[in-house]
Amino acid sequence: EVQLVESGGGLVQAGGSLRLSCTASGSAFDDYAIGWFRQAPGKEREGVSCISITDGSTYYADSVKGRFTISSDNAKNTVYLQMNSLKPEDTAVYYCAAGYYSGSPQWVLNYGMDYRGKGTLVTVSS
């Protein structure tokens, strides 16, 4: 069992930056991949980024490549999502999720997430 707590959401102007944090507890952090997906009103859920705690492999959706950076501090059981050059279309509730790492961060993000946090709202104004 893994518990996930997100923080760092808020309101920012277009072009600005935010950093989201996800702190995990309850199980062997090293065995997992931790990722972020987002859900905007009226839109489908989108997998944004994922990092393997096991080997450091990362995945980014095309919509955020070059703007978002995912990283982990294993000593703190925390994953960060640094979001730069934010756009209004990045507005969504961002959820942290965790799944047992199977070799592909992308696969885990899209199909293998077993645990999810409660989400944090990111609003980007134009």
Foldseek 3Di string as FASTA:
>chain_A
DKAKDKDWADEEAAQAKIKMKIAIDDDDLQQKKKFKWWDDPPDDIGTAKIAHSNPGDMDGDPVQPPFWDWDDDVVRNMIMIIGGRDDQVVWTWMKMFMFGDDPDRVCCSVPGTDDIYPTDTHGYHD
